[in-house]
């Protein structure tokens, strides 16, 4: 009985090992994502221009 328990306890960690790392494969960027990125870029530049204008007027 003890021999079977010993074999079981030795084999148990083998089933708990983690799987190897597999690099994720990125998906291609869609046209919709590029459109939203472009709009966000324009909005960011416009916001920076408004902040620059507001700070320039305070001086």
C-alpha atoms as a PDB file:
ATOM      1  CA  UNK A   1       0.000   0.000   0.000  1.00  0.00           C
ATOM      2  CA  UNK A   2       2.761   2.442   0.915  1.00  0.00           C
ATOM      3  CA  UNK A   3       4.549   1.661  -2.339  1.00  0.00           C
ATOM      4  CA  UNK A   4       1.486   2.704  -4.397  1.00  0.00           C
ATOM      5  CA  UNK A   5       1.067   5.858  -2.349  1.00  0.00           C
ATOM      6  CA  UNK A   6       4.721   6.745  -2.919  1.00  0.00           C
ATOM      7  CA  UNK A   7       4.375   6.252  -6.677  1.00  0.00           C
ATOM      8  CA  UNK A   8       1.197   8.351  -6.685  1.00  0.00           C
ATOM      9  CA  UNK A   9       2.862  11.176  -4.762  1.00  0.00           C
ATOM     10  CA  UNK A  10       5.880  11.130  -7.086  1.00  0.00           C
ATOM     11  CA  UNK A  11       3.690  11.228 -10.210  1.00  0.00           C
ATOM     12  CA  UNK A  12       1.258  13.886  -8.901  1.00  0.00           C
ATOM     13  CA  UNK A  13       3.552  16.937  -9.482  1.00  0.00           C
ATOM     14  CA  UNK A  14       4.025  15.916 -13.122  1.00  0.00           C
ATOM     15  CA  UNK A  15       0.340  16.593 -13.802  1.00  0.00           C
ATOM     16  CA  UNK A  16       0.546  20.007 -12.119  1.00  0.00           C
ATOM     17  CA  UNK A  17       3.294  21.379 -14.363  1.00  0.00           C
ATOM     18  CA  UNK A  18       2.427  24.413 -16.435  1.00  0.00           C
ATOM     19  CA  UNK A  19       2.262  24.284 -20.207  1.00  0.00           C
ATOM     20  CA  UNK A  20       5.016  25.878 -22.226  1.00  0.00           C
ATOM     21  CA  UNK A  21       4.752  29.505 -23.285  1.00  0.00           C
ATOM     22  CA  UNK A  22       3.339  30.102 -26.752  1.00  0.00           C
ATOM     23  CA  UNK A  23       3.859  33.516 -28.288  1.00  0.00           C
ATOM     24  CA  UNK A  24       0.568  35.241 -29.139  1.00  0.00           C
ATOM     25  CA  UNK A  25       0.093  36.004 -32.814  1.00  0.00           C
ATOM     26  CA  UNK A  26      -1.198  39.559 -33.251  1.00  0.00           C
ATOM     27  CA  UNK A  27      -4.181  40.130 -35.510  1.00  0.00           C
ATOM     28  CA  UNK A  28      -4.023  42.533 -38.405  1.00  0.00           C
ATOM     29  CA  UNK A  29      -5.330  46.008 -37.704  1.00  0.00           C
ATOM     30  CA  UNK A  30      -8.699  46.627 -39.317  1.00  0.00           C
ATOM     31  CA  UNK A  31      -9.687  49.706 -41.287  1.00  0.00           C
ATOM     32  CA  UNK A  32     -12.183  50.629 -38.564  1.00  0.00           C
ATOM     33  CA  UNK A  33      -9.452  50.575 -35.933  1.00  0.00           C
ATOM     34  CA  UNK A  34      -7.258  52.781 -38.126  1.00  0.00           C
ATOM     35  CA  UNK A  35     -10.129  55.236 -38.567  1.00  0.00           C
ATOM     36  CA  UNK A  36     -10.741  55.499 -34.812  1.00  0.00           C
ATOM     37  CA  UNK A  37      -7.006  55.851 -34.166  1.00  0.00           C
ATOM     38  CA  UNK A  38      -6.846  58.666 -36.707  1.00  0.00           C
ATOM     39  CA  UNK A  39      -9.833  60.441 -35.141  1.00  0.00           C
ATOM     40  CA  UNK A  40      -8.315  60.076 -31.667  1.00  0.00           C
ATOM     41  CA  UNK A  41      -5.033  61.510 -32.949  1.00  0.00           C
ATOM     42  CA  UNK A  42      -6.784  64.538 -34.433  1.00  0.00           C
ATOM     43  CA  UNK A  43      -8.762  65.038 -31.208  1.00  0.00           C
ATOM     44  CA  UNK A  44      -5.583  64.869 -29.123  1.00  0.00           C
ATOM     45  CA  UNK A  45      -3.823  67.422 -31.317  1.00  0.00           C
ATOM     46  CA  UNK A  46      -6.874  69.715 -31.158  1.00  0.00           C
ATOM     47  CA  UNK A  47      -6.976  69.421 -27.356  1.00  0.00           C
ATOM     48  CA  UNK A  48      -3.271  70.213 -27.104  1.00  0.00           C
ATOM     49  CA  UNK A  49      -3.782  73.243 -29.360  1.00  0.00           C
ATOM     50  CA  UNK A  50      -6.646  74.486 -27.167  1.00  0.00           C
ATOM     51  CA  UNK A  51      -4.533  74.110 -24.020  1.00  0.00           C
ATOM     52  CA  UNK A  52      -1.641  75.925 -25.684  1.00  0.00           C
ATOM     53  CA  UNK A  53      -3.999  78.746 -26.728  1.00  0.00           C
ATOM     54  CA  UNK A  54      -5.501  79.012 -23.231  1.00  0.00           C
ATOM     55  CA  UNK A  55      -2.106  79.106 -21.541  1.00  0.00           C
ATOM     56  CA  UNK A  56      -0.723  81.599 -24.066  1.00  0.00           C
ATOM     57  CA  UNK A  57      -3.566  84.048 -23.370  1.00  0.00           C
ATOM     58  CA  UNK A  58      -2.961  83.980 -19.592  1.00  0.00           C
ATOM     59  CA  UNK A  59       0.557  85.398 -19.916  1.00  0.00           C
END
